[in-house]
Amino acid sequence: MRVNQLHPWPTSTAEAEAIQERLRLHLELTGPTSFTLVAGLDVHYHGEDEVAAAVVVLSTTAATDDHAQGMAGDLVVVEQVVVRGKARFPYVPGLFAFRELPALVEALERLTVTPDLLVCDGYGLAHPRGFGLACHLGVLTGLPAIGVGKTHFVGTHDAPDPARGAWTPIELDGSTVGRVLRTQSTVKPVYVSQGHRVTLDTACAEVLRLSPYHRLPEPIRKADHLARHGDL
């Protein structure tokens, strides 16, 4: 698939922040509401700087039984790619995406199919400059993208109720930048934020649909496994 090279990879904090500020102007926060080919993206670190970036594309269908209403049906792996390399940027809070983007972009470029949606292990608008990994990948690819974080990063929020589907807003500087979403009853929530070309309602609905049995959406779970172990 095609990824637009909208900037060179930065070599300094100032360059990286300038790229985020510039590309943030390209964000679109509305878009499609249904998706068939969904890609999960994750990066695993082997040591401090050795990275394995994985992309797993799943074909999803709507569940047909009443018990699973609102969940994805069969989740079939269509394609998988893993790229190994070295992180090219130091660890700087708020600029973590630049450590992972080069390998993730290379993995996406190796895909022979183009997903309808990217589900990223990371953040979108829930970011100090409103431009996390999911936003960056969405703008570079032009595809709808969602960020799903495992831990709190920015903003304030209350704890959602314990039932699956419960959520509370993440507030930052007077704006809602995401939701704390309970994907499984009485299990720790995830942190969902828009990346690109998707509404927050759609983002949360997709995360729930793609999380029929576990806390994390299946595309991310499979990408994590591929990045760690090299196969599914």
Protein backbone atom coordinates (compact mmCIF):
# COMPACT_ATOMS: atom_id res chain seq x y z
CA MET A 1 0.00 0.00 0.00
CA ARG A 2 1.02 3.62 -0.45
CA VAL A 3 2.23 5.83 2.39
CA ASN A 4 2.77 9.50 1.63
CA GLN A 5 6.24 10.77 2.55
CA LEU A 6 5.11 14.15 3.85
CA HIS A 7 8.33 14.93 5.72
CA PRO A 8 11.86 13.66 6.31
CA TRP A 9 12.50 11.84 9.58
CA PRO A 10 13.54 14.47 12.13
CA THR A 11 16.89 14.55 13.90
CA SER A 12 16.00 16.97 16.70
CA THR A 13 13.18 17.64 19.15
CA ALA A 14 12.43 20.98 17.52
CA GLU A 15 12.08 19.39 14.07
CA ALA A 16 9.80 16.66 15.42
CA GLU A 17 7.53 19.11 17.24
CA ALA A 18 7.33 21.30 14.13
CA ILE A 19 6.25 18.29 12.05
CA GLN A 20 3.49 17.46 14.53
CA GLU A 21 2.24 21.05 14.58
CA ARG A 22 2.22 21.25 10.77
CA LEU A 23 0.55 17.89 10.12
CA ARG A 24 -2.05 18.50 12.81
CA LEU A 25 -3.66 21.00 10.44
CA HIS A 26 -4.48 18.09 8.09
CA LEU A 27 -6.53 16.12 10.63
CA GLU A 28 -10.11 15.20 9.76
CA LEU A 29 -12.34 14.09 12.62
CA THR A 30 -15.28 12.69 10.66
CA GLY A 31 -15.37 9.82 8.22
CA PRO A 32 -16.69 6.32 7.50
CA THR A 33 -18.66 4.36 10.08
CA SER A 34 -18.16 0.78 8.86
CA PHE A 35 -14.98 -1.11 8.04
CA THR A 36 -14.19 -4.56 6.66
CA LEU A 37 -10.39 -4.74 6.49
CA VAL A 38 -8.93 -3.60 9.81
CA ALA A 39 -5.19 -3.39 10.48
CA GLY A 40 -3.67 -3.64 13.94
CA LEU A 41 -0.28 -2.00 14.48
CA ASP A 42 2.14 -2.54 17.33
CA VAL A 43 5.87 -2.25 18.05
CA HIS A 44 7.87 -4.42 20.41
CA TYR A 45 11.28 -3.43 21.77
CA HIS A 46 14.08 -5.96 21.99
CA GLY A 47 16.47 -4.15 24.30
CA GLU A 48 16.48 -0.35 24.21
CA ASP A 49 16.65 0.41 20.50
CA GLU A 50 15.97 -2.81 18.54
CA VAL A 51 12.37 -2.73 17.35
CA ALA A 52 9.99 -5.11 15.62
CA ALA A 53 7.05 -3.34 13.98
CA ALA A 54 4.06 -5.50 13.11
CA VAL A 55 0.95 -4.94 11.03
CA VAL A 56 -1.80 -7.55 10.92
CA VAL A 57 -4.80 -7.06 8.61
CA LEU A 58 -8.02 -8.81 9.60
CA SER A 59 -11.19 -9.24 7.60
CA THR A 60 -14.18 -8.61 9.84
CA THR A 61 -17.84 -9.48 9.47
CA ALA A 62 -20.86 -8.53 11.52
CA ALA A 63 -21.84 -11.02 14.22
CA THR A 64 -25.15 -12.71 13.53
CA ASP A 65 -26.23 -14.11 16.91
CA ASP A 66 -28.07 -11.94 19.44
CA HIS A 67 -25.54 -12.63 22.20
CA ALA A 68 -22.72 -11.12 20.15
CA GLN A 69 -24.67 -8.12 18.82
CA GLY A 70 -22.35 -5.17 18.25
CA MET A 71 -19.26 -7.40 18.02
CA ALA A 72 -17.28 -8.48 15.00
CA GLY A 73 -18.00 -11.95 13.68
CA ASP A 74 -15.21 -13.99 12.16
CA LEU A 75 -11.84 -12.25 12.33
CA VAL A 76 -9.71 -13.75 9.59
CA VAL A 77 -6.07 -12.82 9.06
CA VAL A 78 -5.68 -11.51 5.51
CA GLU A 79 -2.05 -10.39 5.67
CA GLN A 80 0.74 -9.89 8.17
CA VAL A 81 4.05 -8.03 7.99
CA VAL A 82 6.81 -7.60 10.55
CA VAL A 83 9.81 -5.29 10.09
CA ARG A 84 12.86 -5.29 12.33
CA GLY A 85 15.24 -2.40 12.75
CA LYS A 86 16.59 0.22 15.13
CA ALA A 87 14.76 3.17 16.63
CA ARG A 88 16.00 6.31 14.89
CA PHE A 89 14.91 8.87 17.46
CA PRO A 90 15.61 9.19 21.20
CA TYR A 91 12.91 8.74 23.80
CA VAL A 92 11.26 12.13 24.36
CA PRO A 93 7.83 12.38 26.03
CA GLY A 94 5.25 13.39 23.43
CA LEU A 95 7.56 12.40 20.56
CA PHE A 96 7.58 8.66 21.13
CA ALA A 97 5.90 8.09 17.74
CA PHE A 98 9.10 9.08 15.94
CA ARG A 99 10.87 6.06 17.43
CA GLU A 100 8.28 3.75 15.89
CA LEU A 101 7.07 5.46 12.73
CA PRO A 102 9.92 4.50 10.34
CA ALA A 103 9.51 0.78 10.96
CA LEU A 104 5.70 0.97 10.98
CA VAL A 105 5.68 2.90 7.70
CA GLU A 106 7.97 0.30 6.13
CA ALA A 107 5.67 -2.48 7.33
CA LEU A 108 2.61 -0.71 5.89
CA GLU A 109 4.36 -0.19 2.56
CA ARG A 110 4.94 -3.94 2.31
CA LEU A 111 1.21 -4.70 2.50
CA THR A 112 -0.39 -5.89 -0.72
CA VAL A 113 -3.86 -4.90 0.55
CA THR A 114 -5.01 -1.51 1.78
CA PRO A 115 -6.93 -1.60 5.08
CA ASP A 116 -10.11 0.38 5.68
CA LEU A 117 -9.04 1.26 9.23
CA LEU A 118 -5.84 1.42 11.28
CA VAL A 119 -6.04 0.51 14.97
CA CYS A 120 -2.85 1.64 16.67
CA ASP A 121 -1.38 0.67 20.02
CA GLY A 122 -0.96 4.26 21.16
CA TYR A 123 -2.73 7.60 21.19
CA GLY A 124 -4.36 10.00 18.77
CA LEU A 125 -5.77 13.32 19.94
CA ALA A 126 -5.05 12.30 23.55
CA HIS A 127 -1.56 13.73 23.24
CA PRO A 128 0.19 16.89 24.52
CA ARG A 129 0.08 18.49 21.04
CA GLY A 130 -3.06 16.69 19.88
CA PHE A 131 -1.10 14.60 17.41
CA GLY A 132 -0.14 11.15 18.61
CA LEU A 133 0.86 8.06 16.65
CA ALA A 134 -2.65 7.30 15.36
CA CYS A 135 -3.02 10.86 14.02
CA HIS A 136 0.39 10.71 12.35
CA LEU A 137 -0.24 7.37 10.65
CA GLY A 138 -3.71 8.47 9.59
CA VAL A 139 -2.42 11.62 7.91
CA LEU A 140 0.49 9.81 6.23
CA THR A 141 -1.75 7.08 4.82
CA GLY A 142 -4.98 9.03 4.37
CA LEU A 143 -6.80 6.19 6.16
CA PRO A 144 -9.16 6.31 9.14
CA ALA A 145 -7.13 5.64 12.29
CA ILE A 146 -7.84 5.04 15.97
CA GLY A 147 -5.51 5.16 18.96
CA VAL A 148 -6.00 2.61 21.75
CA GLY A 149 -3.76 3.18 24.76
CA LYS A 150 -3.31 0.75 27.62
CA THR A 151 -2.55 3.42 30.23
CA HIS A 152 -3.47 7.01 31.03
CA PHE A 153 -1.31 9.56 29.21
CA VAL A 154 -2.79 13.07 29.24
CA GLY A 155 -5.85 14.84 30.58
CA THR A 156 -8.23 14.00 33.39
CA HIS A 157 -11.08 11.52 33.60
CA ASP A 158 -13.33 9.66 35.99
CA ALA A 159 -13.45 5.89 36.19
CA PRO A 160 -16.17 4.38 33.98
CA ASP A 161 -18.80 2.05 35.40
CA PRO A 162 -17.74 -1.62 35.53
CA ALA A 163 -20.02 -2.85 32.71
CA ARG A 164 -18.75 -3.50 29.18
CA GLY A 165 -19.34 -0.44 27.02
CA ALA A 166 -19.22 2.08 29.87
CA TRP A 167 -17.06 5.12 29.26
CA THR A 168 -16.06 8.52 30.58
CA PRO A 169 -14.52 11.43 28.66
CA ILE A 170 -10.84 12.36 28.74
CA GLU A 171 -10.63 16.13 29.17
CA LEU A 172 -7.57 18.22 28.30
CA ASP A 173 -7.46 22.01 28.33
CA GLY A 174 -11.23 22.23 28.23
CA SER A 175 -11.69 19.84 25.31
CA THR A 176 -12.65 16.16 25.06
CA VAL A 177 -9.72 14.32 23.50
CA GLY A 178 -10.84 10.72 23.99
CA ARG A 179 -12.70 8.27 26.19
CA VAL A 180 -11.82 5.78 28.87
CA LEU A 181 -13.69 2.73 27.61
CA ARG A 182 -14.53 -0.52 29.39
CA THR A 183 -14.22 -3.26 26.76
CA GLN A 184 -14.89 -6.12 29.19
CA SER A 185 -16.94 -6.01 32.37
CA THR A 186 -14.90 -5.48 35.57
CA VAL A 187 -11.66 -5.42 33.53
CA LYS A 188 -9.33 -2.42 33.34
CA PRO A 189 -10.44 0.04 30.64
CA VAL A 190 -8.55 1.22 27.56
CA TYR A 191 -7.94 4.80 26.40
CA VAL A 192 -9.51 5.48 23.01
CA SER A 193 -8.84 8.59 20.93
CA GLN A 194 -9.45 9.68 17.37
CA GLY A 195 -6.55 9.52 14.98
CA HIS A 196 -7.85 10.61 11.58
CA ARG A 197 -11.05 10.45 9.52
CA VAL A 198 -13.17 8.96 12.29
CA THR A 199 -15.53 10.30 14.94
CA LEU A 200 -15.07 9.48 18.60
CA ASP A 201 -18.39 7.61 18.65
CA THR A 202 -17.27 5.46 15.72
CA ALA A 203 -13.85 4.89 17.25
CA CYS A 204 -15.35 3.57 20.47
CA ALA A 205 -17.93 1.46 18.64
CA GLU A 206 -15.15 -0.14 16.57
CA VAL A 207 -12.97 -0.83 19.60
CA LEU A 208 -15.90 -2.59 21.27
CA ARG A 209 -16.76 -4.50 18.09
CA LEU A 210 -13.16 -5.69 17.77
CA SER A 211 -12.88 -6.71 21.44
CA PRO A 212 -15.31 -9.64 21.74
CA TYR A 213 -13.39 -11.59 24.38
CA HIS A 214 -10.39 -9.63 25.63
CA ARG A 215 -9.51 -6.19 26.94
CA LEU A 216 -7.59 -5.18 23.80
CA PRO A 217 -8.99 -5.22 20.26
CA GLU A 218 -8.06 -8.36 18.34
CA PRO A 219 -6.06 -6.54 15.63
CA ILE A 220 -3.74 -5.07 18.30
CA ARG A 221 -3.51 -8.36 20.18
CA LYS A 222 -2.42 -10.15 17.03
CA ALA A 223 0.03 -7.41 16.05
CA ASP A 224 1.55 -7.54 19.54
CA HIS A 225 2.01 -11.32 19.25
CA LEU A 226 3.58 -10.99 15.81
CA ALA A 227 5.98 -8.25 16.96
CA ARG A 228 7.04 -10.31 19.98
CA HIS A 229 7.32 -13.74 18.39
CA GLY A 230 7.64 -13.21 14.65
CA ASP A 231 4.60 -15.32 13.74
CA LEU A 232 0.96 -15.85 14.60
